């Protein structure tokens, strides 16, 4: 799955004409979200905060990296599936997870998080390592490696530990990056309809690297997310949108609005 890295040239104002910017006000009423029509049926995305979001899908309601107060999820349908990418506190919180797991909820996590789960939750969970797949209600889920490639960032997300995911709905593939840089595995993705791509420093990558990767694997739609950083490392999603190019429609989710 390797692919030659290429230098990315930022696009200019011509790219901005193809950008869709959706302010948080459009999502505020009753947790409204963006709905995508697929061959399997509609998929509605509800951003929650930072790296957490909810997807209502034909396969069931999917929570991704749910953290924070359980009350933030009270207006959504109960989780049929919870996906956890890795162990960091902005992606995995044992107390929040326990509050959100219902009797029929399934959990898919990377092996490191699976090992941290309390025994009752392990009974509802599956561990999926990099490169492996899992099934949920006929939905095939691929675990995509998520890791740092810059030398002084490798301690944050070492290669082989953390997951991104690809969800294979009929005619509509969804990529969730988790915490990663623009790895060869990301750049080699194909036929992605919807992507969630992280960008913050020092933990993942800057907006230019994220835009370069997205311009290469060309999802139909992309949400920049997880873009608040440390020590000036917060990335501007509008700058990301300008650099992506005209082939990808950028969605803004209001991840940090109250």
C-alpha atoms as a PDB file:
ATOM      1  CA  UNK A   1       0.000   0.000   0.000  1.00  0.00           C
ATOM      2  CA  UNK A   2       2.928   2.307  -0.469  1.00  0.00           C
ATOM      3  CA  UNK A   3       2.743   5.239  -2.797  1.00  0.00           C
ATOM      4  CA  UNK A   4       5.274   7.830  -3.873  1.00  0.00           C
ATOM      5  CA  UNK A   5       4.819  11.062  -1.950  1.00  0.00           C
ATOM      6  CA  UNK A   6       4.541  14.144  -4.104  1.00  0.00           C
ATOM      7  CA  UNK A   7       5.002  17.804  -3.360  1.00  0.00           C
ATOM      8  CA  UNK A   8       1.680  19.550  -2.847  1.00  0.00           C
ATOM      9  CA  UNK A   9       1.071  22.918  -4.494  1.00  0.00           C
ATOM     10  CA  UNK A  10      -1.626  24.942  -2.770  1.00  0.00           C
ATOM     11  CA  UNK A  11      -4.479  25.935  -5.019  1.00  0.00           C
ATOM     12  CA  UNK A  12      -5.664  29.506  -5.280  1.00  0.00           C
ATOM     13  CA  UNK A  13      -8.957  31.325  -5.225  1.00  0.00           C
ATOM     14  CA  UNK A  14     -10.304  29.127  -8.019  1.00  0.00           C
ATOM     15  CA  UNK A  15     -10.513  26.272  -5.517  1.00  0.00           C
ATOM     16  CA  UNK A  16     -12.571  28.327  -3.116  1.00  0.00           C
ATOM     17  CA  UNK A  17     -15.482  28.347  -5.541  1.00  0.00           C
ATOM     18  CA  UNK A  18     -15.970  24.616  -4.971  1.00  0.00           C
ATOM     19  CA  UNK A  19     -15.836  24.797  -1.172  1.00  0.00           C
ATOM     20  CA  UNK A  20     -18.951  24.295   0.914  1.00  0.00           C
ATOM     21  CA  UNK A  21     -18.657  25.956   4.329  1.00  0.00           C
ATOM     22  CA  UNK A  22     -21.419  25.019   6.730  1.00  0.00           C
ATOM     23  CA  UNK A  23     -21.478  27.180   9.873  1.00  0.00           C
ATOM     24  CA  UNK A  24     -22.469  25.649  13.175  1.00  0.00           C
ATOM     25  CA  UNK A  25     -25.798  27.482  13.124  1.00  0.00           C
ATOM     26  CA  UNK A  26     -26.895  25.095  10.385  1.00  0.00           C
ATOM     27  CA  UNK A  27     -26.367  22.175  12.755  1.00  0.00           C
ATOM     28  CA  UNK A  28     -27.620  23.629  16.010  1.00  0.00           C
ATOM     29  CA  UNK A  29     -31.337  22.955  15.820  1.00  0.00           C
ATOM     30  CA  UNK A  30     -32.116  19.515  17.274  1.00  0.00           C
ATOM     31  CA  UNK A  31     -28.598  18.296  16.527  1.00  0.00           C
ATOM     32  CA  UNK A  32     -29.212  18.662  12.823  1.00  0.00           C
ATOM     33  CA  UNK A  33     -26.532  17.202  10.597  1.00  0.00           C
ATOM     34  CA  UNK A  34     -25.483  16.710   7.011  1.00  0.00           C
ATOM     35  CA  UNK A  35     -27.265  13.895   5.194  1.00  0.00           C
ATOM     36  CA  UNK A  36     -25.624  11.967   2.364  1.00  0.00           C
ATOM     37  CA  UNK A  37     -27.733   9.830   0.041  1.00  0.00           C
ATOM     38  CA  UNK A  38     -26.183   6.433  -0.666  1.00  0.00           C
ATOM     39  CA  UNK A  39     -27.210   3.244  -2.460  1.00  0.00           C
ATOM     40  CA  UNK A  40     -27.771   1.690   0.977  1.00  0.00           C
ATOM     41  CA  UNK A  41     -29.886   4.604   2.234  1.00  0.00           C
ATOM     42  CA  UNK A  42     -29.253   7.978   3.881  1.00  0.00           C
ATOM     43  CA  UNK A  43     -26.285   8.574   6.186  1.00  0.00           C
ATOM     44  CA  UNK A  44     -26.530  11.559   8.534  1.00  0.00           C
ATOM     45  CA  UNK A  45     -23.441  12.970  10.257  1.00  0.00           C
ATOM     46  CA  UNK A  46     -23.734  14.794  13.592  1.00  0.00           C
ATOM     47  CA  UNK A  47     -20.473  16.430  14.760  1.00  0.00           C
ATOM     48  CA  UNK A  48     -20.232  16.495  18.562  1.00  0.00           C
ATOM     49  CA  UNK A  49     -16.800  17.912  19.441  1.00  0.00           C
ATOM     50  CA  UNK A  50     -13.146  17.637  18.370  1.00  0.00           C
ATOM     51  CA  UNK A  51     -12.878  13.954  17.370  1.00  0.00           C
ATOM     52  CA  UNK A  52     -16.326  12.766  18.478  1.00  0.00           C
ATOM     53  CA  UNK A  53     -19.299  12.388  16.161  1.00  0.00           C
ATOM     54  CA  UNK A  54     -22.418  10.328  15.565  1.00  0.00           C
ATOM     55  CA  UNK A  55     -23.530   8.772  12.292  1.00  0.00           C
ATOM     56  CA  UNK A  56     -27.071   7.560  11.672  1.00  0.00           C
ATOM     57  CA  UNK A  57     -26.678   4.924   8.970  1.00  0.00           C
ATOM     58  CA  UNK A  58     -28.615   2.092   7.314  1.00  0.00           C
ATOM     59  CA  UNK A  59     -26.536  -0.333   9.418  1.00  0.00           C
ATOM     60  CA  UNK A  60     -27.405   1.414  12.698  1.00  0.00           C
ATOM     61  CA  UNK A  61     -26.323   4.402  14.760  1.00  0.00           C
ATOM     62  CA  UNK A  62     -22.540   4.622  15.031  1.00  0.00           C
ATOM     63  CA  UNK A  63     -20.684   6.663  17.658  1.00  0.00           C
ATOM     64  CA  UNK A  64     -17.058   7.470  16.843  1.00  0.00           C
ATOM     65  CA  UNK A  65     -14.578   8.172  19.678  1.00  0.00           C
ATOM     66  CA  UNK A  66     -17.266   9.375  22.104  1.00  0.00           C
ATOM     67  CA  UNK A  67     -15.837  11.384  24.998  1.00  0.00           C
ATOM     68  CA  UNK A  68     -17.109  14.227  27.176  1.00  0.00           C
ATOM     69  CA  UNK A  69     -20.374  14.360  29.086  1.00  0.00           C
ATOM     70  CA  UNK A  70     -22.831  11.599  28.274  1.00  0.00           C
ATOM     71  CA  UNK A  71     -25.515  14.306  28.159  1.00  0.00           C
ATOM     72  CA  UNK A  72     -24.000  15.528  24.879  1.00  0.00           C
ATOM     73  CA  UNK A  73     -25.370  12.347  23.279  1.00  0.00           C
ATOM     74  CA  UNK A  74     -28.789  12.327  24.944  1.00  0.00           C
ATOM     75  CA  UNK A  75     -30.696  13.563  21.879  1.00  0.00           C
ATOM     76  CA  UNK A  76     -29.217  10.955  19.553  1.00  0.00           C
ATOM     77  CA  UNK A  77     -30.462   7.391  19.099  1.00  0.00           C
ATOM     78  CA  UNK A  78     -28.679   4.908  21.339  1.00  0.00           C
ATOM     79  CA  UNK A  79     -25.422   3.572  19.901  1.00  0.00           C
ATOM     80  CA  UNK A  80     -25.628   0.329  17.965  1.00  0.00           C
ATOM     81  CA  UNK A  81     -21.869   0.459  17.348  1.00  0.00           C
ATOM     82  CA  UNK A  82     -19.086   2.423  19.010  1.00  0.00           C
ATOM     83  CA  UNK A  83     -15.783   2.792  17.149  1.00  0.00           C
ATOM     84  CA  UNK A  84     -12.670   3.714  19.148  1.00  0.00           C
ATOM     85  CA  UNK A  85      -9.479   4.609  17.315  1.00  0.00           C
ATOM     86  CA  UNK A  86      -7.006   4.742  20.222  1.00  0.00           C
ATOM     87  CA  UNK A  87      -6.438   5.339  23.919  1.00  0.00           C
ATOM     88  CA  UNK A  88      -5.852   9.089  24.213  1.00  0.00           C
ATOM     89  CA  UNK A  89      -8.323  10.963  26.395  1.00  0.00           C
ATOM     90  CA  UNK A  90      -9.823  12.954  23.535  1.00  0.00           C
ATOM     91  CA  UNK A  91     -10.795   9.670  21.850  1.00  0.00           C
ATOM     92  CA  UNK A  92     -11.410   7.189  24.678  1.00  0.00           C
ATOM     93  CA  UNK A  93     -12.953   7.775  28.085  1.00  0.00           C
ATOM     94  CA  UNK A  94     -13.988   4.770  30.148  1.00  0.00           C
ATOM     95  CA  UNK A  95     -16.645   6.647  32.124  1.00  0.00           C
ATOM     96  CA  UNK A  96     -18.297   8.100  29.024  1.00  0.00           C
ATOM     97  CA  UNK A  97     -18.157   4.754  27.267  1.00  0.00           C
ATOM     98  CA  UNK A  98     -19.804   2.949  30.170  1.00  0.00           C
ATOM     99  CA  UNK A  99     -22.596   5.527  30.226  1.00  0.00           C
ATOM    100  CA  UNK A 100     -23.283   5.192  26.506  1.00  0.00           C
ATOM    101  CA  UNK A 101     -23.129   1.422  26.040  1.00  0.00           C
ATOM    102  CA  UNK A 102     -26.578  -0.152  25.975  1.00  0.00           C
ATOM    103  CA  UNK A 103     -27.464  -3.838  26.124  1.00  0.00           C
ATOM    104  CA  UNK A 104     -27.108  -4.381  22.390  1.00  0.00           C
ATOM    105  CA  UNK A 105     -24.244  -1.982  21.688  1.00  0.00           C
ATOM    106  CA  UNK A 106     -21.181  -3.422  19.981  1.00  0.00           C
ATOM    107  CA  UNK A 107     -17.712  -1.910  20.389  1.00  0.00           C
ATOM    108  CA  UNK A 108     -14.836  -2.097  17.906  1.00  0.00           C
ATOM    109  CA  UNK A 109     -11.470  -0.876  19.161  1.00  0.00           C
ATOM    110  CA  UNK A 110      -7.774  -1.241  18.532  1.00  0.00           C
ATOM    111  CA  UNK A 111      -6.076  -3.928  20.681  1.00  0.00           C
ATOM    112  CA  UNK A 112      -4.573  -1.400  23.115  1.00  0.00           C
ATOM    113  CA  UNK A 113      -7.984   0.026  24.024  1.00  0.00           C
ATOM    114  CA  UNK A 114      -9.583  -3.417  24.083  1.00  0.00           C
ATOM    115  CA  UNK A 115      -7.081  -4.386  26.757  1.00  0.00           C
ATOM    116  CA  UNK A 116      -8.182  -1.395  28.877  1.00  0.00           C
ATOM    117  CA  UNK A 117     -11.890  -2.207  28.805  1.00  0.00           C
ATOM    118  CA  UNK A 118     -13.642  -3.445  31.921  1.00  0.00           C
ATOM    119  CA  UNK A 119     -14.645  -7.093  31.676  1.00  0.00           C
ATOM    120  CA  UNK A 120     -18.374  -6.386  31.149  1.00  0.00           C
ATOM    121  CA  UNK A 121     -17.556  -4.160  28.178  1.00  0.00           C
ATOM    122  CA  UNK A 122     -15.117  -6.677  26.718  1.00  0.00           C
ATOM    123  CA  UNK A 123     -18.065  -9.027  26.328  1.00  0.00           C
ATOM    124  CA  UNK A 124     -19.567  -6.561  23.853  1.00  0.00           C
ATOM    125  CA  UNK A 125     -16.299  -5.618  22.148  1.00  0.00           C
ATOM    126  CA  UNK A 126     -14.017  -6.803  19.361  1.00  0.00           C
ATOM    127  CA  UNK A 127     -10.354  -5.919  18.973  1.00  0.00           C
ATOM    128  CA  UNK A 128      -9.250  -5.139  15.430  1.00  0.00           C
ATOM    129  CA  UNK A 129      -5.588  -4.566  14.617  1.00  0.00           C
ATOM    130  CA  UNK A 130      -4.086  -2.583  11.753  1.00  0.00           C
ATOM    131  CA  UNK A 131      -4.934  -4.213   8.441  1.00  0.00           C
ATOM    132  CA  UNK A 132      -7.674  -6.454   9.844  1.00  0.00           C
ATOM    133  CA  UNK A 133     -11.417  -6.276   9.222  1.00  0.00           C
ATOM    134  CA  UNK A 134     -14.555  -6.658  11.298  1.00  0.00           C
ATOM    135  CA  UNK A 135     -18.239  -7.058  10.463  1.00  0.00           C
ATOM    136  CA  UNK A 136     -21.183  -5.206  11.931  1.00  0.00           C
ATOM    137  CA  UNK A 137     -24.684  -5.897  10.549  1.00  0.00           C
ATOM    138  CA  UNK A 138     -23.254  -6.764   7.121  1.00  0.00           C
ATOM    139  CA  UNK A 139     -21.068  -3.662   7.207  1.00  0.00           C
ATOM    140  CA  UNK A 140     -17.422  -4.478   6.564  1.00  0.00           C
ATOM    141  CA  UNK A 141     -15.059  -2.290   8.574  1.00  0.00           C
ATOM    142  CA  UNK A 142     -11.346  -2.057   7.742  1.00  0.00           C
ATOM    143  CA  UNK A 143      -8.762  -0.981  10.324  1.00  0.00           C
ATOM    144  CA  UNK A 144      -6.392   1.472   8.619  1.00  0.00           C
ATOM    145  CA  UNK A 145      -2.989   2.163  10.265  1.00  0.00           C
ATOM    146  CA  UNK A 146      -2.887   5.554  11.989  1.00  0.00           C
ATOM    147  CA  UNK A 147       0.518   6.808  13.098  1.00  0.00           C
ATOM    148  CA  UNK A 148       3.069   9.596  13.046  1.00  0.00           C
ATOM    149  CA  UNK A 149       5.828   9.664  10.446  1.00  0.00           C
ATOM    150  CA  UNK A 150       7.679  12.797  11.616  1.00  0.00           C
ATOM    151  CA  UNK A 151      10.534  11.772  13.894  1.00  0.00           C
ATOM    152  CA  UNK A 152       9.767  14.079  16.816  1.00  0.00           C
ATOM    153  CA  UNK A 153       6.062  13.126  16.768  1.00  0.00           C
ATOM    154  CA  UNK A 154       6.377   9.333  16.704  1.00  0.00           C
ATOM    155  CA  UNK A 155       5.975   9.067  20.467  1.00  0.00           C
ATOM    156  CA  UNK A 156       2.411  10.389  20.174  1.00  0.00           C
ATOM    157  CA  UNK A 157       1.113   7.702  17.817  1.00  0.00           C
ATOM    158  CA  UNK A 158       3.636   4.912  17.178  1.00  0.00           C
ATOM    159  CA  UNK A 159       3.208   2.799  14.089  1.00  0.00           C
ATOM    160  CA  UNK A 160       1.185  -0.370  14.623  1.00  0.00           C
ATOM    161  CA  UNK A 161      -0.895   0.693  17.640  1.00  0.00           C
ATOM    162  CA  UNK A 162      -3.742   3.003  16.587  1.00  0.00           C
ATOM    163  CA  UNK A 163      -6.537   2.630  14.055  1.00  0.00           C
ATOM    164  CA  UNK A 164      -8.308   4.647  11.458  1.00  0.00           C
ATOM    165  CA  UNK A 165     -11.347   2.978   9.896  1.00  0.00           C
ATOM    166  CA  UNK A 166     -12.990   2.539   6.506  1.00  0.00           C
ATOM    167  CA  UNK A 167     -16.698   1.719   6.610  1.00  0.00           C
ATOM    168  CA  UNK A 168     -17.907  -0.007   3.468  1.00  0.00           C
ATOM    169  CA  UNK A 169     -21.525   0.909   2.871  1.00  0.00           C
ATOM    170  CA  UNK A 170     -23.021  -0.053  -0.474  1.00  0.00           C
ATOM    171  CA  UNK A 171     -21.469   2.337  -2.992  1.00  0.00           C
ATOM    172  CA  UNK A 172     -20.285   4.687  -0.231  1.00  0.00           C
ATOM    173  CA  UNK A 173     -16.997   4.242   1.630  1.00  0.00           C
ATOM    174  CA  UNK A 174     -16.352   6.332   4.737  1.00  0.00           C
ATOM    175  CA  UNK A 175     -12.812   6.954   6.019  1.00  0.00           C
ATOM    176  CA  UNK A 176     -12.185   8.030   9.622  1.00  0.00           C
ATOM    177  CA  UNK A 177      -8.577   9.029  10.119  1.00  0.00           C
ATOM    178  CA  UNK A 178      -8.230   8.915  13.897  1.00  0.00           C
ATOM    179  CA  UNK A 179      -4.918  10.528  14.877  1.00  0.00           C
ATOM    180  CA  UNK A 180      -2.364  10.204  12.108  1.00  0.00           C
ATOM    181  CA  UNK A 181      -0.111  12.017   9.694  1.00  0.00           C
ATOM    182  CA  UNK A 182      -0.410  11.744   5.928  1.00  0.00           C
ATOM    183  CA  UNK A 183       0.847   8.181   5.762  1.00  0.00           C
ATOM    184  CA  UNK A 184       1.274   6.084   2.615  1.00  0.00           C
ATOM    185  CA  UNK A 185      -1.779   4.075   3.726  1.00  0.00           C
ATOM    186  CA  UNK A 186      -3.909   7.234   3.777  1.00  0.00           C
ATOM    187  CA  UNK A 187      -2.637   8.422   0.413  1.00  0.00           C
ATOM    188  CA  UNK A 188      -3.302   5.005  -1.120  1.00  0.00           C
ATOM    189  CA  UNK A 189      -6.992   4.983  -0.189  1.00  0.00           C
ATOM    190  CA  UNK A 190      -9.359   4.603  -3.128  1.00  0.00           C
ATOM    191  CA  UNK A 191     -13.070   5.129  -3.781  1.00  0.00           C
ATOM    192  CA  UNK A 192     -13.668   7.098  -0.574  1.00  0.00           C
ATOM    193  CA  UNK A 193     -16.966   8.970  -0.621  1.00  0.00           C
ATOM    194  CA  UNK A 194     -16.697  10.683   2.761  1.00  0.00           C
ATOM    195  CA  UNK A 195     -13.600  11.324   4.878  1.00  0.00           C
ATOM    196  CA  UNK A 196     -12.902  12.733   8.330  1.00  0.00           C
ATOM    197  CA  UNK A 197      -9.313  13.989   8.408  1.00  0.00           C
ATOM    198  CA  UNK A 198      -7.451  15.227  11.487  1.00  0.00           C
ATOM    199  CA  UNK A 199      -4.986  18.130  11.580  1.00  0.00           C
ATOM    200  CA  UNK A 200      -3.308  19.634  14.628  1.00  0.00           C
ATOM    201  CA  UNK A 201       0.200  20.131  15.953  1.00  0.00           C
ATOM    202  CA  UNK A 202       2.235  18.731  17.514  1.00  0.00           C
ATOM    203  CA  UNK A 203       0.075  15.606  17.606  1.00  0.00           C
ATOM    204  CA  UNK A 204      -0.857  14.886  13.984  1.00  0.00           C
ATOM    205  CA  UNK A 205      -0.132  17.082  10.927  1.00  0.00           C
ATOM    206  CA  UNK A 206      -0.653  20.611   9.707  1.00  0.00           C
ATOM    207  CA  UNK A 207      -3.424  21.687   7.343  1.00  0.00           C
ATOM    208  CA  UNK A 208      -1.114  21.715   4.321  1.00  0.00           C
ATOM    209  CA  UNK A 209      -0.102  18.068   4.824  1.00  0.00           C
ATOM    210  CA  UNK A 210      -3.724  17.081   5.399  1.00  0.00           C
ATOM    211  CA  UNK A 211      -4.852  18.923   2.259  1.00  0.00           C
ATOM    212  CA  UNK A 212      -2.054  17.342   0.240  1.00  0.00           C
ATOM    213  CA  UNK A 213      -3.119  13.853   1.261  1.00  0.00           C
ATOM    214  CA  UNK A 214      -6.805  14.570   0.628  1.00  0.00           C
ATOM    215  CA  UNK A 215      -6.001  15.997  -2.806  1.00  0.00           C
ATOM    216  CA  UNK A 216      -4.244  12.712  -3.566  1.00  0.00           C
ATOM    217  CA  UNK A 217      -6.854  10.171  -2.451  1.00  0.00           C
ATOM    218  CA  UNK A 218      -9.750  12.442  -3.518  1.00  0.00           C
ATOM    219  CA  UNK A 219     -12.778  11.638  -1.376  1.00  0.00           C
ATOM    220  CA  UNK A 220     -16.022  13.096  -2.660  1.00  0.00           C
ATOM    221  CA  UNK A 221     -16.574  14.935   0.641  1.00  0.00           C
ATOM    222  CA  UNK A 222     -14.263  15.663   3.556  1.00  0.00           C
ATOM    223  CA  UNK A 223     -14.708  17.012   7.073  1.00  0.00           C
ATOM    224  CA  UNK A 224     -11.605  18.602   8.589  1.00  0.00           C
ATOM    225  CA  UNK A 225     -11.820  17.694  12.272  1.00  0.00           C
ATOM    226  CA  UNK A 226      -9.596  17.357  15.345  1.00  0.00           C
ATOM    227  CA  UNK A 227      -7.903  20.645  14.472  1.00  0.00           C
ATOM    228  CA  UNK A 228      -7.394  22.260  17.876  1.00  0.00           C
ATOM    229  CA  UNK A 229      -3.739  21.867  18.870  1.00  0.00           C
ATOM    230  CA  UNK A 230      -1.224  22.951  21.491  1.00  0.00           C
ATOM    231  CA  UNK A 231       1.263  25.836  21.664  1.00  0.00           C
ATOM    232  CA  UNK A 232      -0.070  27.490  18.527  1.00  0.00           C
ATOM    233  CA  UNK A 233      -0.686  24.190  16.760  1.00  0.00           C
ATOM    234  CA  UNK A 234      -4.382  24.748  16.041  1.00  0.00           C
ATOM    235  CA  UNK A 235      -5.037  24.504  12.302  1.00  0.00           C
ATOM    236  CA  UNK A 236      -7.418  26.638  10.255  1.00  0.00           C
ATOM    237  CA  UNK A 237     -10.001  24.489   8.440  1.00  0.00           C
ATOM    238  CA  UNK A 238     -10.684  27.337   6.016  1.00  0.00           C
ATOM    239  CA  UNK A 239      -7.035  27.291   4.951  1.00  0.00           C
ATOM    240  CA  UNK A 240      -7.284  23.521   4.528  1.00  0.00           C
ATOM    241  CA  UNK A 241     -10.353  24.018   2.352  1.00  0.00           C
ATOM    242  CA  UNK A 242      -8.538  26.487   0.093  1.00  0.00           C
ATOM    243  CA  UNK A 243      -5.708  24.012  -0.499  1.00  0.00           C
ATOM    244  CA  UNK A 244      -7.683  20.853  -1.160  1.00  0.00           C
ATOM    245  CA  UNK A 245      -8.597  21.644  -4.743  1.00  0.00           C
ATOM    246  CA  UNK A 246     -11.772  21.594  -6.775  1.00  0.00           C
ATOM    247  CA  UNK A 247     -12.369  17.826  -6.836  1.00  0.00           C
ATOM    248  CA  UNK A 248     -13.311  17.509  -3.149  1.00  0.00           C
ATOM    249  CA  UNK A 249     -16.242  19.170  -1.363  1.00  0.00           C
ATOM    250  CA  UNK A 250     -15.277  20.374   2.117  1.00  0.00           C
ATOM    251  CA  UNK A 251     -17.824  20.200   4.941  1.00  0.00           C
ATOM    252  CA  UNK A 252     -17.464  22.238   8.119  1.00  0.00           C
ATOM    253  CA  UNK A 253     -18.925  20.691  11.241  1.00  0.00           C
ATOM    254  CA  UNK A 254     -18.586  23.315  13.960  1.00  0.00           C
ATOM    255  CA  UNK A 255     -16.599  20.964  16.161  1.00  0.00           C
ATOM    256  CA  UNK A 256     -15.674  23.600  18.759  1.00  0.00           C
ATOM    257  CA  UNK A 257     -18.867  25.647  19.013  1.00  0.00           C
ATOM    258  CA  UNK A 258     -20.770  25.597  22.283  1.00  0.00           C
END
